[in-house]
Amino acid sequence: MRTTPEPEPRAPRPALVFDDPLDQQTSDDTDRGWGERPEGDSAADLKRFLDEKPPHHL
């Protein structure tokens, strides 16, 4: 009596997705994606302005 080993189960293949990639929101579609900081007080706004001001505006 000869027994053959049972085949191992195969891993599922990744499914193909045919959605339109332009319909999905990316991080660039949000303020956070553009480097916007969360809402803060006016002192934080002034600090950000002074930090990001180009040197020729001094």
PDB file of N, CA and C in Angstrom:
ATOM      1  N   MET A   1       0.834  -1.173   0.000  1.00  0.00           N
ATOM      2  CA  MET A   1       0.000   0.000   0.000  1.00  0.00           C
ATOM      3  C   MET A   1       0.885   1.245   0.000  1.00  0.00           C
ATOM      4  N   ARG A   2       0.676   2.022  -0.983  1.00  0.00           N
ATOM      5  CA  ARG A   2       1.504   3.197  -1.182  1.00  0.00           C
ATOM      6  C   ARG A   2       0.676   4.461  -0.977  1.00  0.00           C
ATOM      7  N   THR A   3       1.163   5.360  -0.180  1.00  0.00           N
ATOM      8  CA  THR A   3       0.431   6.625   0.015  1.00  0.00           C
ATOM      9  C   THR A   3       1.262   7.749  -0.576  1.00  0.00           C
ATOM     10  N   THR A   4       0.595   8.609  -1.258  1.00  0.00           N
ATOM     11  CA  THR A   4       1.274   9.773  -1.837  1.00  0.00           C
ATOM     12  C   THR A   4       1.016  10.964  -0.921  1.00  0.00           C
ATOM     13  N   PRO A   5       2.032  11.785  -0.739  1.00  0.00           N
ATOM     14  CA  PRO A   5       1.815  12.960   0.120  1.00  0.00           C
ATOM     15  C   PRO A   5       0.801  13.911  -0.516  1.00  0.00           C
ATOM     16  N   GLU A   6       0.012  14.519   0.338  1.00  0.00           N
ATOM     17  CA  GLU A   6      -0.979  15.474  -0.167  1.00  0.00           C
ATOM     18  C   GLU A   6      -0.264  16.750  -0.598  1.00  0.00           C
ATOM     19  N   PRO A   7      -0.700  17.344  -1.696  1.00  0.00           N
ATOM     20  CA  PRO A   7      -0.038  18.592  -2.138  1.00  0.00           C
ATOM     21  C   PRO A   7      -0.274  19.700  -1.120  1.00  0.00           C
ATOM     22  N   GLU A   8       0.742  20.552  -0.990  1.00  0.00           N
ATOM     23  CA  GLU A   8       0.636  21.677  -0.066  1.00  0.00           C
ATOM     24  C   GLU A   8      -0.295  22.733  -0.650  1.00  0.00           C
ATOM     25  N   PRO A   9      -1.053  23.401   0.201  1.00  0.00           N
ATOM     26  CA  PRO A   9      -1.953  24.450  -0.329  1.00  0.00           C
ATOM     27  C   PRO A   9      -1.141  25.599  -0.910  1.00  0.00           C
ATOM     28  N   ARG A  10      -1.617  26.115  -2.002  1.00  0.00           N
ATOM     29  CA  ARG A  10      -0.941  27.231  -2.669  1.00  0.00           C
ATOM     30  C   ARG A  10      -1.330  28.556  -2.022  1.00  0.00           C
ATOM     31  N   ALA A  11      -0.395  29.470  -2.048  1.00  0.00           N
ATOM     32  CA  ALA A  11      -0.672  30.817  -1.554  1.00  0.00           C
ATOM     33  C   ALA A  11      -1.601  31.508  -2.540  1.00  0.00           C
ATOM     34  N   PRO A  12      -2.565  32.288  -2.055  1.00  0.00           N
ATOM     35  CA  PRO A  12      -3.470  32.971  -2.991  1.00  0.00           C
ATOM     36  C   PRO A  12      -2.715  34.008  -3.817  1.00  0.00           C
ATOM     37  N   ARG A  13      -3.080  34.095  -5.052  1.00  0.00           N
ATOM     38  CA  ARG A  13      -2.465  35.085  -5.942  1.00  0.00           C
ATOM     39  C   ARG A  13      -3.030  36.469  -5.641  1.00  0.00           C
ATOM     40  N   PRO A  14      -2.209  37.508  -5.794  1.00  0.00           N
ATOM     41  CA  PRO A  14      -2.749  38.857  -5.594  1.00  0.00           C
ATOM     42  C   PRO A  14      -3.798  39.161  -6.655  1.00  0.00           C
ATOM     43  N   ALA A  15      -4.861  39.787  -6.239  1.00  0.00           N
ATOM     44  CA  ALA A  15      -5.952  40.112  -7.162  1.00  0.00           C
ATOM     45  C   ALA A  15      -5.579  41.330  -8.001  1.00  0.00           C
ATOM     46  N   LEU A  16      -6.012  41.311  -9.232  1.00  0.00           N
ATOM     47  CA  LEU A  16      -5.815  42.470 -10.096  1.00  0.00           C
ATOM     48  C   LEU A  16      -6.904  43.487  -9.805  1.00  0.00           C
ATOM     49  N   VAL A  17      -6.512  44.748  -9.672  1.00  0.00           N
ATOM     50  CA  VAL A  17      -7.464  45.820  -9.394  1.00  0.00           C
ATOM     51  C   VAL A  17      -7.516  46.719 -10.617  1.00  0.00           C
ATOM     52  N   PHE A  18      -8.710  46.876 -11.162  1.00  0.00           N
ATOM     53  CA  PHE A  18      -8.879  47.669 -12.371  1.00  0.00           C
ATOM     54  C   PHE A  18      -9.537  49.018 -12.086  1.00  0.00           C
ATOM     55  N   ASP A  19      -9.429  49.498 -10.834  1.00  0.00           N
ATOM     56  CA  ASP A  19      -9.978  50.800 -10.481  1.00  0.00           C
ATOM     57  C   ASP A  19      -9.145  51.901 -11.126  1.00  0.00           C
ATOM     58  N   ASP A  20      -9.751  53.056 -11.264  1.00  0.00           N
ATOM     59  CA  ASP A  20      -9.040  54.211 -11.792  1.00  0.00           C
ATOM     60  C   ASP A  20      -8.156  54.782 -10.684  1.00  0.00           C
ATOM     61  N   PRO A  21      -6.827  54.782 -10.843  1.00  0.00           N
ATOM     62  CA  PRO A  21      -5.958  55.276  -9.773  1.00  0.00           C
ATOM     63  C   PRO A  21      -6.137  56.771  -9.507  1.00  0.00           C
ATOM     64  N   LEU A  22      -6.682  57.511 -10.461  1.00  0.00           N
ATOM     65  CA  LEU A  22      -6.868  58.944 -10.267  1.00  0.00           C
ATOM     66  C   LEU A  22      -8.080  59.249  -9.393  1.00  0.00           C
ATOM     67  N   ASP A  23      -8.938  58.246  -9.140  1.00  0.00           N
ATOM     68  CA  ASP A  23     -10.078  58.440  -8.258  1.00  0.00           C
ATOM     69  C   ASP A  23      -9.703  58.319  -6.789  1.00  0.00           C
ATOM     70  N   GLN A  24      -8.513  57.817  -6.501  1.00  0.00           N
ATOM     71  CA  GLN A  24      -8.091  57.609  -5.117  1.00  0.00           C
ATOM     72  C   GLN A  24      -7.365  58.850  -4.610  1.00  0.00           C
ATOM     73  N   GLN A  25      -7.599  59.192  -3.344  1.00  0.00           N
ATOM     74  CA  GLN A  25      -6.960  60.362  -2.757  1.00  0.00           C
ATOM     75  C   GLN A  25      -5.548  60.002  -2.300  1.00  0.00           C
ATOM     76  N   THR A  26      -4.599  60.858  -2.600  1.00  0.00           N
ATOM     77  CA  THR A  26      -3.218  60.661  -2.171  1.00  0.00           C
ATOM     78  C   THR A  26      -2.893  61.679  -1.084  1.00  0.00           C
ATOM     79  N   SER A  27      -1.724  61.533  -0.491  1.00  0.00           N
ATOM     80  CA  SER A  27      -1.344  62.481   0.557  1.00  0.00           C
ATOM     81  C   SER A  27      -1.146  63.886  -0.008  1.00  0.00           C
ATOM     82  N   ASP A  28      -0.847  64.009  -1.292  1.00  0.00           N
ATOM     83  CA  ASP A  28      -0.691  65.334  -1.901  1.00  0.00           C
ATOM     84  C   ASP A  28      -2.023  66.061  -2.052  1.00  0.00           C
ATOM     85  N   ASP A  29      -3.129  65.332  -1.975  1.00  0.00           N
ATOM     86  CA  ASP A  29      -4.449  65.944  -2.087  1.00  0.00           C
ATOM     87  C   ASP A  29      -4.898  66.592  -0.787  1.00  0.00           C
ATOM     88  N   THR A  30      -4.111  66.471   0.249  1.00  0.00           N
ATOM     89  CA  THR A  30      -4.481  67.029   1.552  1.00  0.00           C
ATOM     90  C   THR A  30      -3.493  68.122   1.942  1.00  0.00           C
ATOM     91  N   ASP A  31      -3.868  68.931   2.913  1.00  0.00           N
ATOM     92  CA  ASP A  31      -2.957  69.974   3.391  1.00  0.00           C
ATOM     93  C   ASP A  31      -1.724  69.366   4.028  1.00  0.00           C
ATOM     94  N   ARG A  32      -1.876  68.236   4.700  1.00  0.00           N
ATOM     95  CA  ARG A  32      -0.745  67.586   5.355  1.00  0.00           C
ATOM     96  C   ARG A  32       0.295  67.154   4.307  1.00  0.00           C
ATOM     97  N   GLY A  33      -0.143  66.740   3.137  1.00  0.00           N
ATOM     98  CA  GLY A  33       0.779  66.327   2.084  1.00  0.00           C
ATOM     99  C   GLY A  33       1.634  67.473   1.565  1.00  0.00           C
ATOM    100  N   TRP A  34       1.156  68.683   1.726  1.00  0.00           N
ATOM    101  CA  TRP A  34       1.902  69.852   1.277  1.00  0.00           C
ATOM    102  C   TRP A  34       2.684  70.503   2.400  1.00  0.00           C
ATOM    103  N   GLY A  35       2.771  69.837   3.535  1.00  0.00           N
ATOM    104  CA  GLY A  35       3.576  70.352   4.627  1.00  0.00           C
ATOM    105  C   GLY A  35       2.859  71.322   5.536  1.00  0.00           C
ATOM    106  N   GLU A  36       1.552  71.423   5.400  1.00  0.00           N
ATOM    107  CA  GLU A  36       0.800  72.317   6.277  1.00  0.00           C
ATOM    108  C   GLU A  36       0.831  71.783   7.694  1.00  0.00           C
ATOM    109  N   ARG A  37       0.965  72.675   8.616  1.00  0.00           N
ATOM    110  CA  ARG A  37       0.973  72.290  10.021  1.00  0.00           C
ATOM    111  C   ARG A  37      -0.450  72.367  10.563  1.00  0.00           C
ATOM    112  N   PRO A  38      -0.732  71.628  11.618  1.00  0.00           N
ATOM    113  CA  PRO A  38      -2.062  71.729  12.213  1.00  0.00           C
ATOM    114  C   PRO A  38      -2.312  73.131  12.750  1.00  0.00           C
ATOM    115  N   GLU A  39      -3.571  73.452  12.897  1.00  0.00           N
ATOM    116  CA  GLU A  39      -3.959  74.783  13.388  1.00  0.00           C
ATOM    117  C   GLU A  39      -3.288  75.080  14.722  1.00  0.00           C
ATOM    118  N   GLY A  40      -2.846  76.303  14.886  1.00  0.00           N
ATOM    119  CA  GLY A  40      -2.184  76.689  16.122  1.00  0.00           C
ATOM    120  C   GLY A  40      -2.535  78.110  16.494  1.00  0.00           C
ATOM    121  N   ASP A  41      -1.833  78.627  17.467  1.00  0.00           N
ATOM    122  CA  ASP A  41      -2.109  79.997  17.904  1.00  0.00           C
ATOM    123  C   ASP A  41      -1.289  80.979  17.071  1.00  0.00           C
ATOM    124  N   SER A  42      -1.490  82.259  17.303  1.00  0.00           N
ATOM    125  CA  SER A  42      -0.815  83.275  16.494  1.00  0.00           C
ATOM    126  C   SER A  42       0.694  83.294  16.745  1.00  0.00           C
ATOM    127  N   ALA A  43       1.137  82.917  17.943  1.00  0.00           N
ATOM    128  CA  ALA A  43       2.578  82.875  18.225  1.00  0.00           C
ATOM    129  C   ALA A  43       3.245  81.798  17.373  1.00  0.00           C
ATOM    130  N   ALA A  44       2.558  80.677  17.197  1.00  0.00           N
ATOM    131  CA  ALA A  44       3.102  79.602  16.358  1.00  0.00           C
ATOM    132  C   ALA A  44       3.155  80.049  14.897  1.00  0.00           C
ATOM    133  N   ASP A  45       2.132  80.827  14.465  1.00  0.00           N
ATOM    134  CA  ASP A  45       2.128  81.340  13.095  1.00  0.00           C
ATOM    135  C   ASP A  45       3.289  82.305  12.858  1.00  0.00           C
ATOM    136  N   LEU A  46       3.551  83.176  13.830  1.00  0.00           N
ATOM    137  CA  LEU A  46       4.658  84.116  13.712  1.00  0.00           C
ATOM    138  C   LEU A  46       5.990  83.368  13.664  1.00  0.00           C
ATOM    139  N   LYS A  47       6.149  82.358  14.497  1.00  0.00           N
ATOM    140  CA  LYS A  47       7.383  81.569  14.499  1.00  0.00           C
ATOM    141  C   LYS A  47       7.575  80.884  13.154  1.00  0.00           C
ATOM    142  N   ARG A  48       6.496  80.331  12.598  1.00  0.00           N
ATOM    143  CA  ARG A  48       6.593  79.680  11.291  1.00  0.00           C
ATOM    144  C   ARG A  48       6.977  80.699  10.213  1.00  0.00           C
ATOM    145  N   PHE A  49       6.373  81.882  10.263  1.00  0.00           N
ATOM    146  CA  PHE A  49       6.694  82.921   9.287  1.00  0.00           C
ATOM    147  C   PHE A  49       8.167  83.295   9.361  1.00  0.00           C
ATOM    148  N   LEU A  50       8.684  83.477  10.569  1.00  0.00           N
ATOM    149  CA  LEU A  50      10.086  83.852  10.732  1.00  0.00           C
ATOM    150  C   LEU A  50      11.021  82.714  10.345  1.00  0.00           C
ATOM    151  N   ASP A  51      10.625  81.474  10.591  1.00  0.00           N
ATOM    152  CA  ASP A  51      11.448  80.322  10.224  1.00  0.00           C
ATOM    153  C   ASP A  51      11.537  80.135   8.718  1.00  0.00           C
ATOM    154  N   GLU A  52      10.449  80.431   8.010  1.00  0.00           N
ATOM    155  CA  GLU A  52      10.390  80.152   6.577  1.00  0.00           C
ATOM    156  C   GLU A  52      10.668  81.374   5.707  1.00  0.00           C
ATOM    157  N   LYS A  53      10.929  82.507   6.324  1.00  0.00           N
ATOM    158  CA  LYS A  53      11.168  83.731   5.555  1.00  0.00           C
ATOM    159  C   LYS A  53      12.526  83.651   4.864  1.00  0.00           C
ATOM    160  N   PRO A  54      12.591  83.963   3.580  1.00  0.00           N
ATOM    161  CA  PRO A  54      13.879  83.947   2.878  1.00  0.00           C
ATOM    162  C   PRO A  54      14.824  85.000   3.461  1.00  0.00           C
ATOM    163  N   PRO A  55      16.135  84.782   3.368  1.00  0.00           N
ATOM    164  CA  PRO A  55      17.108  85.716   3.955  1.00  0.00           C
ATOM    165  C   PRO A  55      17.023  87.125   3.380  1.00  0.00           C
ATOM    166  N   HIS A  56      16.636  87.279   2.119  1.00  0.00           N
ATOM    167  CA  HIS A  56      16.602  88.621   1.528  1.00  0.00           C
ATOM    168  C   HIS A  56      15.401  89.433   2.028  1.00  0.00           C
ATOM    169  N   HIS A  57      14.536  88.852   2.877  1.00  0.00           N
ATOM    170  CA  HIS A  57      13.404  89.584   3.428  1.00  0.00           C
ATOM    171  C   HIS A  57      13.674  90.092   4.838  1.00  0.00           C
ATOM    172  N   LEU A  58      14.912  90.008   5.302  1.00  0.00           N
ATOM    173  CA  LEU A  58      15.234  90.471   6.650  1.00  0.00           C
ATOM    174  C   LEU A  58      15.322  91.952   6.742  1.00  0.00           C
TER     175      LEU A  58
END
